[in-house]
Structure formats: C-alpha cells, structure tokens
Amino acid sequence: MSDIQWSDDIPIYRQLKKRVIAMMLDGILKPGDALPSVRQMAANYQLNTITVSRAYQELADEGLVERRRGLGMFMTEQAATHLRSSERDHFLDEEWTAVLERIQRLGLSLAELLPQRKV
C-alpha cells in the first residue's frame, strides 16, 4: 500500500480522503464496514496520524463514516448512495464538459468513441 504517489498540488489528507471514497465507491468498503485504524493507515501509507485523522474527520463531517466509541470509524449505510449521487453530479457538471469539448475539438464521432463489438 505504501507505493502510492502523493501529489504536491493537493493536501495529502484530501488525497487520502479521495482514496477512501474510491474504496467506498468500488465496493472495497461496504456500509457497516470498519475503516482501517488511524495508526494502521498511517503506517501503511507512511503518513502522520494527524494527517489520517484529518481525512477521517472530513469523512465524518460529511456523514460518510461514523465514529463508534472504542471501536473506530465505520462506513455509514447511506454513504454509497450519497457518494454516487455527488460524484455523478461533479462528473457531469465539471469533468464531462471538458471531455465533451475535447471530443468536439478532435472531431471524433460516436462510432469512433464506442468500442466495436465482434460478433
């Protein structure tokens, strides 16, 4: 796990938060699952525990995880639904616009974009 490359452009705690969100969206973490402990994440990614705690706190502030006293942090039941909705909105509002502009700039057709199925 420690072979991750951290970007200098974005704070590491935000990058870690995005990584945990990706684990939730990919089904690696499921509703009710415990997140790795702060110490475990810090050791795995060679980070300061404060950095991991900050990422986890943002996830908790957004209602994606909940702290269970003495047990750790757990993915909430509504996290996946909330994330899919917000990630779709972000993609359509921000990323898709750039992709569409690039497609148009390159003059690509729908046939060129869709994979050809062999029968």
PDB file of N, CA and C in Angstrom:
ATOM      1  N   MET A   1       0.805  -1.204   0.000  1.00  0.00           N
ATOM      2  CA  MET A   1       0.000   0.000   0.000  1.00  0.00           C
ATOM      3  C   MET A   1       0.846   1.264   0.000  1.00  0.00           C
ATOM      4  N   SER A   2       2.030   1.210   0.492  1.00  0.00           N
ATOM      5  CA  SER A   2       2.831   2.421   0.673  1.00  0.00           C
ATOM      6  C   SER A   2       3.446   2.935  -0.623  1.00  0.00           C
ATOM      7  N   ASP A   3       3.200   2.269  -1.757  1.00  0.00           N
ATOM      8  CA  ASP A   3       3.787   2.699  -3.012  1.00  0.00           C
ATOM      9  C   ASP A   3       2.988   3.810  -3.697  1.00  0.00           C
ATOM     10  N   ILE A   4       2.011   4.390  -3.022  1.00  0.00           N
ATOM     11  CA  ILE A   4       1.198   5.466  -3.579  1.00  0.00           C
ATOM     12  C   ILE A   4       2.054   6.717  -3.785  1.00  0.00           C
ATOM     13  N   GLN A   5       1.780   7.418  -4.859  1.00  0.00           N
ATOM     14  CA  GLN A   5       2.476   8.670  -5.144  1.00  0.00           C
ATOM     15  C   GLN A   5       1.563   9.829  -4.746  1.00  0.00           C
ATOM     16  N   TRP A   6       2.012  10.655  -3.835  1.00  0.00           N
ATOM     17  CA  TRP A   6       1.227  11.799  -3.384  1.00  0.00           C
ATOM     18  C   TRP A   6       1.547  13.003  -4.259  1.00  0.00           C
ATOM     19  N   SER A   7       0.533  13.742  -4.621  1.00  0.00           N
ATOM     20  CA  SER A   7       0.686  14.940  -5.434  1.00  0.00           C
ATOM     21  C   SER A   7       1.036  16.124  -4.533  1.00  0.00           C
ATOM     22  N   ASP A   8       1.856  17.015  -5.043  1.00  0.00           N
ATOM     23  CA  ASP A   8       2.211  18.216  -4.289  1.00  0.00           C
ATOM     24  C   ASP A   8       1.135  19.299  -4.390  1.00  0.00           C
ATOM     25  N   ASP A   9       0.194  19.134  -5.336  1.00  0.00           N
ATOM     26  CA  ASP A   9      -0.813  20.163  -5.595  1.00  0.00           C
ATOM     27  C   ASP A   9      -1.944  20.193  -4.571  1.00  0.00           C
ATOM     28  N   ILE A  10      -2.235  19.036  -3.981  1.00  0.00           N
ATOM     29  CA  ILE A  10      -3.391  18.885  -3.095  1.00  0.00           C
ATOM     30  C   ILE A  10      -2.897  18.374  -1.746  1.00  0.00           C
ATOM     31  N   PRO A  11      -3.445  18.904  -0.637  1.00  0.00           N
ATOM     32  CA  PRO A  11      -3.026  18.408   0.675  1.00  0.00           C
ATOM     33  C   PRO A  11      -3.189  16.886   0.754  1.00  0.00           C
ATOM     34  N   ILE A  12      -2.259  16.227   1.415  1.00  0.00           N
ATOM     35  CA  ILE A  12      -2.257  14.768   1.488  1.00  0.00           C
ATOM     36  C   ILE A  12      -3.522  14.237   2.154  1.00  0.00           C
ATOM     37  N   TYR A  13      -4.028  14.927   3.181  1.00  0.00           N
ATOM     38  CA  TYR A  13      -5.233  14.420   3.839  1.00  0.00           C
ATOM     39  C   TYR A  13      -6.404  14.387   2.862  1.00  0.00           C
ATOM     40  N   ARG A  14      -6.465  15.336   1.938  1.00  0.00           N
ATOM     41  CA  ARG A  14      -7.541  15.336   0.927  1.00  0.00           C
ATOM     42  C   ARG A  14      -7.355  14.192  -0.068  1.00  0.00           C
ATOM     43  N   GLN A  15      -6.096  13.920  -0.420  1.00  0.00           N
ATOM     44  CA  GLN A  15      -5.819  12.799  -1.326  1.00  0.00           C
ATOM     45  C   GLN A  15      -6.187  11.479  -0.658  1.00  0.00           C
ATOM     46  N   LEU A  16      -5.890  11.358   0.623  1.00  0.00           N
ATOM     47  CA  LEU A  16      -6.238  10.154   1.367  1.00  0.00           C
ATOM     48  C   LEU A  16      -7.755  10.017   1.460  1.00  0.00           C
ATOM     49  N   LYS A  17      -8.437  11.116   1.705  1.00  0.00           N
ATOM     50  CA  LYS A  17      -9.897  11.113   1.756  1.00  0.00           C
ATOM     51  C   LYS A  17     -10.455  10.615   0.423  1.00  0.00           C
ATOM     52  N   LYS A  18      -9.919  11.106  -0.688  1.00  0.00           N
ATOM     53  CA  LYS A  18     -10.375  10.662  -2.010  1.00  0.00           C
ATOM     54  C   LYS A  18     -10.124   9.171  -2.207  1.00  0.00           C
ATOM     55  N   ARG A  19      -9.027   8.690  -1.672  1.00  0.00           N
ATOM     56  CA  ARG A  19      -8.699   7.259  -1.782  1.00  0.00           C
ATOM     57  C   ARG A  19      -9.713   6.416  -1.010  1.00  0.00           C
ATOM     58  N   VAL A  20     -10.096   6.862   0.175  1.00  0.00           N
ATOM     59  CA  VAL A  20     -11.095   6.138   0.962  1.00  0.00           C
ATOM     60  C   VAL A  20     -12.450   6.193   0.251  1.00  0.00           C
ATOM     61  N   ILE A  21     -12.796   7.354  -0.318  1.00  0.00           N
ATOM     62  CA  ILE A  21     -14.045   7.482  -1.072  1.00  0.00           C
ATOM     63  C   ILE A  21     -14.046   6.514  -2.253  1.00  0.00           C
ATOM     64  N   ALA A  22     -12.924   6.399  -2.943  1.00  0.00           N
ATOM     65  CA  ALA A  22     -12.823   5.453  -4.070  1.00  0.00           C
ATOM     66  C   ALA A  22     -13.046   4.021  -3.587  1.00  0.00           C
ATOM     67  N   MET A  23     -12.516   3.700  -2.405  1.00  0.00           N
ATOM     68  CA  MET A  23     -12.721   2.361  -1.838  1.00  0.00           C
ATOM     69  C   MET A  23     -14.206   2.118  -1.557  1.00  0.00           C
ATOM     70  N   MET A  24     -14.907   3.161  -1.142  1.00  0.00           N
ATOM     71  CA  MET A  24     -16.346   3.047  -0.884  1.00  0.00           C
ATOM     72  C   MET A  24     -17.105   2.863  -2.198  1.00  0.00           C
ATOM     73  N   LEU A  25     -16.779   3.663  -3.193  1.00  0.00           N
ATOM     74  CA  LEU A  25     -17.468   3.583  -4.481  1.00  0.00           C
ATOM     75  C   LEU A  25     -17.184   2.268  -5.198  1.00  0.00           C
ATOM     76  N   ASP A  26     -15.976   1.748  -5.030  1.00  0.00           N
ATOM     77  CA  ASP A  26     -15.589   0.490  -5.682  1.00  0.00           C
ATOM     78  C   ASP A  26     -16.095  -0.747  -4.939  1.00  0.00           C
ATOM     79  N   GLY A  27     -16.698  -0.539  -3.762  1.00  0.00           N
ATOM     80  CA  GLY A  27     -17.225  -1.669  -3.001  1.00  0.00           C
ATOM     81  C   GLY A  27     -16.191  -2.388  -2.150  1.00  0.00           C
ATOM     82  N   ILE A  28     -14.984  -1.839  -2.084  1.00  0.00           N
ATOM     83  CA  ILE A  28     -13.960  -2.427  -1.214  1.00  0.00           C
ATOM     84  C   ILE A  28     -14.390  -2.238   0.242  1.00  0.00           C
ATOM     85  N   LEU A  29     -14.926  -1.050   0.527  1.00  0.00           N
ATOM     86  CA  LEU A  29     -15.562  -0.789   1.819  1.00  0.00           C
ATOM     87  C   LEU A  29     -17.061  -0.782   1.576  1.00  0.00           C
ATOM     88  N   LYS A  30     -17.788  -1.485   2.408  1.00  0.00           N
ATOM     89  CA  LYS A  30     -19.238  -1.577   2.287  1.00  0.00           C
ATOM     90  C   LYS A  30     -19.891  -0.948   3.517  1.00  0.00           C
ATOM     91  N   PRO A  31     -21.162  -0.525   3.380  1.00  0.00           N
ATOM     92  CA  PRO A  31     -21.847   0.048   4.545  1.00  0.00           C
ATOM     93  C   PRO A  31     -21.725  -0.871   5.764  1.00  0.00           C
ATOM     94  N   GLY A  32     -21.350  -0.269   6.884  1.00  0.00           N
ATOM     95  CA  GLY A  32     -21.163  -1.024   8.124  1.00  0.00           C
ATOM     96  C   GLY A  32     -19.745  -1.513   8.341  1.00  0.00           C
ATOM     97  N   ASP A  33     -18.917  -1.479   7.279  1.00  0.00           N
ATOM     98  CA  ASP A  33     -17.521  -1.919   7.417  1.00  0.00           C
ATOM     99  C   ASP A  33     -16.705  -0.912   8.220  1.00  0.00           C
ATOM    100  N   ALA A  34     -15.759  -1.433   8.969  1.00  0.00           N
ATOM    101  CA  ALA A  34     -14.820  -0.582   9.710  1.00  0.00           C
ATOM    102  C   ALA A  34     -13.729  -0.098   8.769  1.00  0.00           C
ATOM    103  N   LEU A  35     -13.371   1.165   8.908  1.00  0.00           N
ATOM    104  CA  LEU A  35     -12.218   1.680   8.190  1.00  0.00           C
ATOM    105  C   LEU A  35     -10.973   1.203   8.920  1.00  0.00           C
ATOM    106  N   PRO A  36      -9.864   1.083   8.196  1.00  0.00           N
ATOM    107  CA  PRO A  36      -8.622   0.754   8.900  1.00  0.00           C
ATOM    108  C   PRO A  36      -8.362   1.813   9.978  1.00  0.00           C
ATOM    109  N   SER A  37      -7.749   1.418  11.061  1.00  0.00           N
ATOM    110  CA  SER A  37      -7.482   2.368  12.139  1.00  0.00           C
ATOM    111  C   SER A  37      -6.556   3.482  11.648  1.00  0.00           C
ATOM    112  N   VAL A  38      -6.588   4.590  12.347  1.00  0.00           N
ATOM    113  CA  VAL A  38      -5.731   5.727  12.005  1.00  0.00           C
ATOM    114  C   VAL A  38      -4.270   5.289  12.008  1.00  0.00           C
ATOM    115  N   ARG A  39      -3.879   4.533  13.011  1.00  0.00           N
ATOM    116  CA  ARG A  39      -2.481   4.084  13.099  1.00  0.00           C
ATOM    117  C   ARG A  39      -2.117   3.137  11.960  1.00  0.00           C
ATOM    118  N   GLN A  40      -3.044   2.256  11.618  1.00  0.00           N
ATOM    119  CA  GLN A  40      -2.802   1.322  10.524  1.00  0.00           C
ATOM    120  C   GLN A  40      -2.651   2.071   9.192  1.00  0.00           C
ATOM    121  N   MET A  41      -3.537   3.027   8.942  1.00  0.00           N
ATOM    122  CA  MET A  41      -3.448   3.812   7.704  1.00  0.00           C
ATOM    123  C   MET A  41      -2.152   4.624   7.672  1.00  0.00           C
ATOM    124  N   ALA A  42      -1.806   5.207   8.801  1.00  0.00           N
ATOM    125  CA  ALA A  42      -0.576   5.995   8.874  1.00  0.00           C
ATOM    126  C   ALA A  42       0.633   5.124   8.562  1.00  0.00           C
ATOM    127  N   ALA A  43       0.648   3.918   9.115  1.00  0.00           N
ATOM    128  CA  ALA A  43       1.766   3.002   8.866  1.00  0.00           C
ATOM    129  C   ALA A  43       1.767   2.521   7.412  1.00  0.00           C
ATOM    130  N   ASN A  44       0.596   2.160   6.884  1.00  0.00           N
ATOM    131  CA  ASN A  44       0.510   1.656   5.513  1.00  0.00           C
ATOM    132  C   ASN A  44       0.975   2.681   4.483  1.00  0.00           C
ATOM    133  N   TYR A  45       0.594   3.940   4.711  1.00  0.00           N
ATOM    134  CA  TYR A  45       0.908   4.988   3.736  1.00  0.00           C
ATOM    135  C   TYR A  45       2.067   5.879   4.159  1.00  0.00           C
ATOM    136  N   GLN A  46       2.698   5.531   5.263  1.00  0.00           N
ATOM    137  CA  GLN A  46       3.831   6.295   5.795  1.00  0.00           C
ATOM    138  C   GLN A  46       3.458   7.764   5.979  1.00  0.00           C
ATOM    139  N   LEU A  47       2.356   7.965   6.715  1.00  0.00           N
ATOM    140  CA  LEU A  47       1.839   9.305   6.982  1.00  0.00           C
ATOM    141  C   LEU A  47       1.813   9.571   8.481  1.00  0.00           C
ATOM    142  N   ASN A  48       1.666  10.818   8.819  1.00  0.00           N
ATOM    143  CA  ASN A  48       1.481  11.225  10.198  1.00  0.00           C
ATOM    144  C   ASN A  48       0.049  10.876  10.605  1.00  0.00           C
ATOM    145  N   THR A  49      -0.152  10.447  11.832  1.00  0.00           N
ATOM    146  CA  THR A  49      -1.502  10.085  12.286  1.00  0.00           C
ATOM    147  C   THR A  49      -2.448  11.285  12.247  1.00  0.00           C
ATOM    148  N   ILE A  50      -1.926  12.486  12.416  1.00  0.00           N
ATOM    149  CA  ILE A  50      -2.768  13.693  12.361  1.00  0.00           C
ATOM    150  C   ILE A  50      -3.330  13.871  10.947  1.00  0.00           C
ATOM    151  N   THR A  51      -2.541  13.554   9.933  1.00  0.00           N
ATOM    152  CA  THR A  51      -2.992  13.643   8.546  1.00  0.00           C
ATOM    153  C   THR A  51      -4.152  12.683   8.310  1.00  0.00           C
ATOM    154  N   VAL A  52      -4.015  11.452   8.777  1.00  0.00           N
ATOM    155  CA  VAL A  52      -5.069  10.446   8.618  1.00  0.00           C
ATOM    156  C   VAL A  52      -6.309  10.879   9.405  1.00  0.00           C
ATOM    157  N   SER A  53      -6.116  11.353  10.624  1.00  0.00           N
ATOM    158  CA  SER A  53      -7.239  11.791  11.453  1.00  0.00           C
ATOM    159  C   SER A  53      -8.012  12.916  10.781  1.00  0.00           C
ATOM    160  N   ARG A  54      -7.304  13.811  10.133  1.00  0.00           N
ATOM    161  CA  ARG A  54      -7.968  14.935   9.452  1.00  0.00           C
ATOM    162  C   ARG A  54      -8.820  14.427   8.286  1.00  0.00           C
ATOM    163  N   ALA A  55      -8.301  13.473   7.521  1.00  0.00           N
ATOM    164  CA  ALA A  55      -9.068  12.888   6.408  1.00  0.00           C
ATOM    165  C   ALA A  55     -10.313  12.193   6.959  1.00  0.00           C
ATOM    166  N   TYR A  56     -10.153  11.414   8.006  1.00  0.00           N
ATOM    167  CA  TYR A  56     -11.277  10.703   8.607  1.00  0.00           C
ATOM    168  C   TYR A  56     -12.306  11.679   9.178  1.00  0.00           C
ATOM    169  N   GLN A  57     -11.832  12.771   9.760  1.00  0.00           N
ATOM    170  CA  GLN A  57     -12.750  13.757  10.329  1.00  0.00           C
ATOM    171  C   GLN A  57     -13.604  14.389   9.234  1.00  0.00           C
ATOM    172  N   GLU A  58     -13.009  14.688   8.077  1.00  0.00           N
ATOM    173  CA  GLU A  58     -13.786  15.249   6.971  1.00  0.00           C
ATOM    174  C   GLU A  58     -14.838  14.247   6.490  1.00  0.00           C
ATOM    175  N   LEU A  59     -14.466  12.967   6.429  1.00  0.00           N
ATOM    176  CA  LEU A  59     -15.431  11.937   6.037  1.00  0.00           C
ATOM    177  C   LEU A  59     -16.582  11.875   7.044  1.00  0.00           C
ATOM    178  N   ALA A  60     -16.261  12.016   8.322  1.00  0.00           N
ATOM    179  CA  ALA A  60     -17.287  12.004   9.370  1.00  0.00           C
ATOM    180  C   ALA A  60     -18.164  13.246   9.274  1.00  0.00           C
ATOM    181  N   ASP A  61     -17.545  14.403   9.029  1.00  0.00           N
ATOM    182  CA  ASP A  61     -18.298  15.658   8.906  1.00  0.00           C
ATOM    183  C   ASP A  61     -19.301  15.591   7.758  1.00  0.00           C
ATOM    184  N   GLU A  62     -18.977  14.832   6.729  1.00  0.00           N
ATOM    185  CA  GLU A  62     -19.851  14.691   5.567  1.00  0.00           C
ATOM    186  C   GLU A  62     -20.859  13.548   5.732  1.00  0.00           C
ATOM    187  N   GLY A  63     -20.817  12.864   6.872  1.00  0.00           N
ATOM    188  CA  GLY A  63     -21.771  11.795   7.147  1.00  0.00           C
ATOM    189  C   GLY A  63     -21.472  10.496   6.416  1.00  0.00           C
ATOM    190  N   LEU A  64     -20.256  10.350   5.903  1.00  0.00           N
ATOM    191  CA  LEU A  64     -19.883   9.144   5.169  1.00  0.00           C
ATOM    192  C   LEU A  64     -19.397   8.048   6.102  1.00  0.00           C
ATOM    193  N   VAL A  65     -18.850   8.438   7.228  1.00  0.00           N
ATOM    194  CA  VAL A  65     -18.416   7.486   8.247  1.00  0.00           C
ATOM    195  C   VAL A  65     -18.912   7.977   9.600  1.00  0.00           C
ATOM    196  N   GLU A  66     -18.990   7.047  10.535  1.00  0.00           N
ATOM    197  CA  GLU A  66     -19.382   7.406  11.893  1.00  0.00           C
ATOM    198  C   GLU A  66     -18.394   6.804  12.868  1.00  0.00           C
ATOM    199  N   ARG A  67     -18.137   7.551  13.911  1.00  0.00           N
ATOM    200  CA  ARG A  67     -17.215   7.077  14.947  1.00  0.00           C
ATOM    201  C   ARG A  67     -18.024   6.302  15.983  1.00  0.00           C
ATOM    202  N   ARG A  68     -17.564   5.100  16.270  1.00  0.00           N
ATOM    203  CA  ARG A  68     -18.174   4.303  17.328  1.00  0.00           C
ATOM    204  C   ARG A  68     -17.162   4.230  18.456  1.00  0.00           C
ATOM    205  N   ARG A  69     -17.546   4.802  19.545  1.00  0.00           N
ATOM    206  CA  ARG A  69     -16.644   4.937  20.696  1.00  0.00           C
ATOM    207  C   ARG A  69     -15.987   3.607  21.045  1.00  0.00           C
ATOM    208  N   GLY A  70     -14.663   3.628  21.044  1.00  0.00           N
ATOM    209  CA  GLY A  70     -13.887   2.456  21.411  1.00  0.00           C
ATOM    210  C   GLY A  70     -13.742   1.419  20.307  1.00  0.00           C
ATOM    211  N   LEU A  71     -14.437   1.615  19.189  1.00  0.00           N
ATOM    212  CA  LEU A  71     -14.402   0.630  18.103  1.00  0.00           C
ATOM    213  C   LEU A  71     -13.756   1.159  16.824  1.00  0.00           C
ATOM    214  N   GLY A  72     -13.844   2.457  16.604  1.00  0.00           N
ATOM    215  CA  GLY A  72     -13.251   3.035  15.399  1.00  0.00           C
ATOM    216  C   GLY A  72     -14.263   3.719  14.509  1.00  0.00           C
ATOM    217  N   MET A  73     -13.904   3.864  13.238  1.00  0.00           N
ATOM    218  CA  MET A  73     -14.740   4.540  12.253  1.00  0.00           C
ATOM    219  C   MET A  73     -15.369   3.499  11.336  1.00  0.00           C
ATOM    220  N   PHE A  74     -16.648   3.710  11.007  1.00  0.00           N
ATOM    221  CA  PHE A  74     -17.399   2.773  10.183  1.00  0.00           C
ATOM    222  C   PHE A  74     -18.122   3.513   9.066  1.00  0.00           C
ATOM    223  N   MET A  75     -18.184   2.886   7.901  1.00  0.00           N
ATOM    224  CA  MET A  75     -18.909   3.457   6.775  1.00  0.00           C
ATOM    225  C   MET A  75     -20.397   3.454   7.105  1.00  0.00           C
ATOM    226  N   THR A  76     -21.059   4.583   6.869  1.00  0.00           N
ATOM    227  CA  THR A  76     -22.487   4.682   7.147  1.00  0.00           C
ATOM    228  C   THR A  76     -23.296   3.965   6.061  1.00  0.00           C
ATOM    229  N   GLU A  77     -24.524   3.657   6.383  1.00  0.00           N
ATOM    230  CA  GLU A  77     -25.404   2.950   5.445  1.00  0.00           C
ATOM    231  C   GLU A  77     -25.706   3.779   4.206  1.00  0.00           C
ATOM    232  N   GLN A  78     -25.823   5.090   4.350  1.00  0.00           N
ATOM    233  CA  GLN A  78     -26.188   5.943   3.222  1.00  0.00           C
ATOM    234  C   GLN A  78     -24.983   6.492   2.453  1.00  0.00           C
ATOM    235  N   ALA A  79     -23.782   6.148   2.857  1.00  0.00           N
ATOM    236  CA  ALA A  79     -22.576   6.715   2.236  1.00  0.00           C
ATOM    237  C   ALA A  79     -22.484   6.427   0.744  1.00  0.00           C
ATOM    238  N   ALA A  80     -22.672   5.184   0.330  1.00  0.00           N
ATOM    239  CA  ALA A  80     -22.516   4.822  -1.083  1.00  0.00           C
ATOM    240  C   ALA A  80     -23.518   5.566  -1.953  1.00  0.00           C
ATOM    241  N   THR A  81     -24.767   5.628  -1.509  1.00  0.00           N
ATOM    242  CA  THR A  81     -25.805   6.328  -2.271  1.00  0.00           C
ATOM    243  C   THR A  81     -25.468   7.807  -2.391  1.00  0.00           C
ATOM    244  N   HIS A  82     -25.089   8.408  -1.285  1.00  0.00           N
ATOM    245  CA  HIS A  82     -24.729   9.835  -1.270  1.00  0.00           C
ATOM    246  C   HIS A  82     -23.530  10.100  -2.177  1.00  0.00           C
ATOM    247  N   LEU A  83     -22.517   9.249  -2.086  1.00  0.00           N
ATOM    248  CA  LEU A  83     -21.305   9.439  -2.885  1.00  0.00           C
ATOM    249  C   LEU A  83     -21.581   9.295  -4.376  1.00  0.00           C
ATOM    250  N   ARG A  84     -22.330   8.274  -4.753  1.00  0.00           N
ATOM    251  CA  ARG A  84     -22.637   8.083  -6.174  1.00  0.00           C
ATOM    252  C   ARG A  84     -23.353   9.306  -6.730  1.00  0.00           C
ATOM    253  N   SER A  85     -24.291   9.809  -5.990  1.00  0.00           N
ATOM    254  CA  SER A  85     -25.048  10.978  -6.432  1.00  0.00           C
ATOM    255  C   SER A  85     -24.143  12.201  -6.568  1.00  0.00           C
ATOM    256  N   SER A  86     -23.350  12.477  -5.556  1.00  0.00           N
ATOM    257  CA  SER A  86     -22.489  13.667  -5.600  1.00  0.00           C
ATOM    258  C   SER A  86     -21.368  13.512  -6.623  1.00  0.00           C
ATOM    259  N   GLU A  87     -20.820  12.307  -6.767  1.00  0.00           N
ATOM    260  CA  GLU A  87     -19.763  12.082  -7.758  1.00  0.00           C
ATOM    261  C   GLU A  87     -20.310  12.185  -9.176  1.00  0.00           C
ATOM    262  N   ARG A  88     -21.528  11.689  -9.402  1.00  0.00           N
ATOM    263  CA  ARG A  88     -22.161  11.831 -10.723  1.00  0.00           C
ATOM    264  C   ARG A  88     -22.377  13.293 -11.056  1.00  0.00           C
ATOM    265  N   ASP A  89     -22.908  14.045 -10.087  1.00  0.00           N
ATOM    266  CA  ASP A  89     -23.138  15.476 -10.309  1.00  0.00           C
ATOM    267  C   ASP A  89     -21.830  16.189 -10.640  1.00  0.00           C
ATOM    268  N   HIS A  90     -20.783  15.883  -9.876  1.00  0.00           N
ATOM    269  CA  HIS A  90     -19.470  16.505 -10.117  1.00  0.00           C
ATOM    270  C   HIS A  90     -18.960  16.155 -11.516  1.00  0.00           C
ATOM    271  N   PHE A  91     -19.071  14.886 -11.892  1.00  0.00           N
ATOM    272  CA  PHE A  91     -18.606  14.449 -13.205  1.00  0.00           C
ATOM    273  C   PHE A  91     -19.362  15.170 -14.319  1.00  0.00           C
ATOM    274  N   LEU A  92     -20.682  15.181 -14.221  1.00  0.00           N
ATOM    275  CA  LEU A  92     -21.484  15.801 -15.279  1.00  0.00           C
ATOM    276  C   LEU A  92     -21.290  17.312 -15.338  1.00  0.00           C
ATOM    277  N   ASP A  93     -21.183  17.954 -14.186  1.00  0.00           N
ATOM    278  CA  ASP A  93     -21.054  19.408 -14.150  1.00  0.00           C
ATOM    279  C   ASP A  93     -19.663  19.905 -14.515  1.00  0.00           C
ATOM    280  N   GLU A  94     -18.637  19.159 -14.151  1.00  0.00           N
ATOM    281  CA  GLU A  94     -17.281  19.667 -14.332  1.00  0.00           C
ATOM    282  C   GLU A  94     -16.437  18.857 -15.300  1.00  0.00           C
ATOM    283  N   GLU A  95     -16.344  17.558 -15.092  1.00  0.00           N
ATOM    284  CA  GLU A  95     -15.432  16.754 -15.905  1.00  0.00           C
ATOM    285  C   GLU A  95     -15.979  16.483 -17.304  1.00  0.00           C
ATOM    286  N   TRP A  96     -17.269  16.152 -17.400  1.00  0.00           N
ATOM    287  CA  TRP A  96     -17.838  15.809 -18.698  1.00  0.00           C
ATOM    288  C   TRP A  96     -17.759  16.973 -19.664  1.00  0.00           C
ATOM    289  N   THR A  97     -17.947  18.180 -19.187  1.00  0.00           N
ATOM    290  CA  THR A  97     -17.862  19.357 -20.043  1.00  0.00           C
ATOM    291  C   THR A  97     -16.507  19.422 -20.732  1.00  0.00           C
ATOM    292  N   ALA A  98     -15.445  19.183 -19.982  1.00  0.00           N
ATOM    293  CA  ALA A  98     -14.090  19.204 -20.555  1.00  0.00           C
ATOM    294  C   ALA A  98     -13.897  18.057 -21.547  1.00  0.00           C
ATOM    295  N   VAL A  99     -14.422  16.878 -21.225  1.00  0.00           N
ATOM    296  CA  VAL A  99     -14.305  15.730 -22.126  1.00  0.00           C
ATOM    297  C   VAL A  99     -15.063  16.014 -23.422  1.00  0.00           C
ATOM    298  N   LEU A 100     -16.271  16.519 -23.302  1.00  0.00           N
ATOM    299  CA  LEU A 100     -17.087  16.828 -24.473  1.00  0.00           C
ATOM    300  C   LEU A 100     -16.407  17.867 -25.371  1.00  0.00           C
ATOM    301  N   GLU A 101     -15.844  18.896 -24.758  1.00  0.00           N
ATOM    302  CA  GLU A 101     -15.123  19.911 -25.537  1.00  0.00           C
ATOM    303  C   GLU A 101     -13.949  19.288 -26.286  1.00  0.00           C
ATOM    304  N   ARG A 102     -13.243  18.390 -25.635  1.00  0.00           N
ATOM    305  CA  ARG A 102     -12.100  17.729 -26.278  1.00  0.00           C
ATOM    306  C   ARG A 102     -12.566  16.839 -27.434  1.00  0.00           C
ATOM    307  N   ILE A 103     -13.650  16.107 -27.240  1.00  0.00           N
ATOM    308  CA  ILE A 103     -14.213  15.265 -28.299  1.00  0.00           C
ATOM    309  C   ILE A 103     -14.559  16.127 -29.511  1.00  0.00           C
ATOM    310  N   GLN A 104     -15.225  17.241 -29.264  1.00  0.00           N
ATOM    311  CA  GLN A 104     -15.613  18.139 -30.353  1.00  0.00           C
ATOM    312  C   GLN A 104     -14.396  18.745 -31.033  1.00  0.00           C
ATOM    313  N   ARG A 105     -13.402  19.145 -30.253  1.00  0.00           N
ATOM    314  CA  ARG A 105     -12.181  19.744 -30.793  1.00  0.00           C
ATOM    315  C   ARG A 105     -11.451  18.757 -31.703  1.00  0.00           C
ATOM    316  N   LEU A 106     -11.478  17.472 -31.330  1.00  0.00           N
ATOM    317  CA  LEU A 106     -10.789  16.448 -32.112  1.00  0.00           C
ATOM    318  C   LEU A 106     -11.653  15.908 -33.259  1.00  0.00           C
ATOM    319  N   GLY A 107     -12.913  16.316 -33.296  1.00  0.00           N
ATOM    320  CA  GLY A 107     -13.796  15.888 -34.369  1.00  0.00           C
ATOM    321  C   GLY A 107     -14.118  14.408 -34.332  1.00  0.00           C
ATOM    322  N   LEU A 108     -14.190  13.844 -33.143  1.00  0.00           N
ATOM    323  CA  LEU A 108     -14.480  12.416 -33.008  1.00  0.00           C
ATOM    324  C   LEU A 108     -15.979  12.157 -33.166  1.00  0.00           C
ATOM    325  N   SER A 109     -16.314  11.064 -33.814  1.00  0.00           N
ATOM    326  CA  SER A 109     -17.712  10.677 -33.988  1.00  0.00           C
ATOM    327  C   SER A 109     -18.097   9.674 -32.901  1.00  0.00           C
ATOM    328  N   LEU A 110     -19.395   9.459 -32.769  1.00  0.00           N
ATOM    329  CA  LEU A 110     -19.894   8.480 -31.800  1.00  0.00           C
ATOM    330  C   LEU A 110     -19.363   7.092 -32.120  1.00  0.00           C
ATOM    331  N   ALA A 111     -19.300   6.754 -33.404  1.00  0.00           N
ATOM    332  CA  ALA A 111     -18.796   5.438 -33.821  1.00  0.00           C
ATOM    333  C   ALA A 111     -17.336   5.251 -33.402  1.00  0.00           C
ATOM    334  N   GLU A 112     -16.563   6.319 -33.447  1.00  0.00           N
ATOM    335  CA  GLU A 112     -15.152   6.222 -33.046  1.00  0.00           C
ATOM    336  C   GLU A 112     -14.994   6.092 -31.532  1.00  0.00           C
ATOM    337  N   LEU A 113     -15.948   6.616 -30.807  1.00  0.00           N
ATOM    338  CA  LEU A 113     -15.857   6.589 -29.342  1.00  0.00           C
ATOM    339  C   LEU A 113     -16.342   5.284 -28.730  1.00  0.00           C
ATOM    340  N   LEU A 114     -17.319   4.652 -29.367  1.00  0.00           N
ATOM    341  CA  LEU A 114     -17.863   3.410 -28.829  1.00  0.00           C
ATOM    342  C   LEU A 114     -17.044   2.222 -29.311  1.00  0.00           C
ATOM    343  N   PRO A 115     -16.759   1.284 -28.415  1.00  0.00           N
ATOM    344  CA  PRO A 115     -15.983   0.115 -28.821  1.00  0.00           C
ATOM    345  C   PRO A 115     -16.763  -0.730 -29.832  1.00  0.00           C
ATOM    346  N   GLN A 116     -16.074  -1.254 -30.789  1.00  0.00           N
ATOM    347  CA  GLN A 116     -16.695  -2.115 -31.798  1.00  0.00           C
ATOM    348  C   GLN A 116     -16.790  -3.524 -31.243  1.00  0.00           C
ATOM    349  N   ARG A 117     -17.981  -4.095 -31.288  1.00  0.00           N
ATOM    350  CA  ARG A 117     -18.181  -5.461 -30.790  1.00  0.00           C
ATOM    351  C   ARG A 117     -17.969  -6.435 -31.938  1.00  0.00           C
ATOM    352  N   LYS A 118     -17.226  -7.483 -31.640  1.00  0.00           N
ATOM    353  CA  LYS A 118     -17.012  -8.535 -32.622  1.00  0.00           C
ATOM    354  C   LYS A 118     -18.082  -9.587 -32.443  1.00  0.00           C
ATOM    355  N   VAL A 119     -18.695  -9.971 -33.546  1.00  0.00           N
ATOM    356  CA  VAL A 119     -19.789 -10.949 -33.481  1.00  0.00           C
ATOM    357  C   VAL A 119     -19.278 -12.317 -33.810  1.00  0.00           C
TER     358      VAL A 119
END
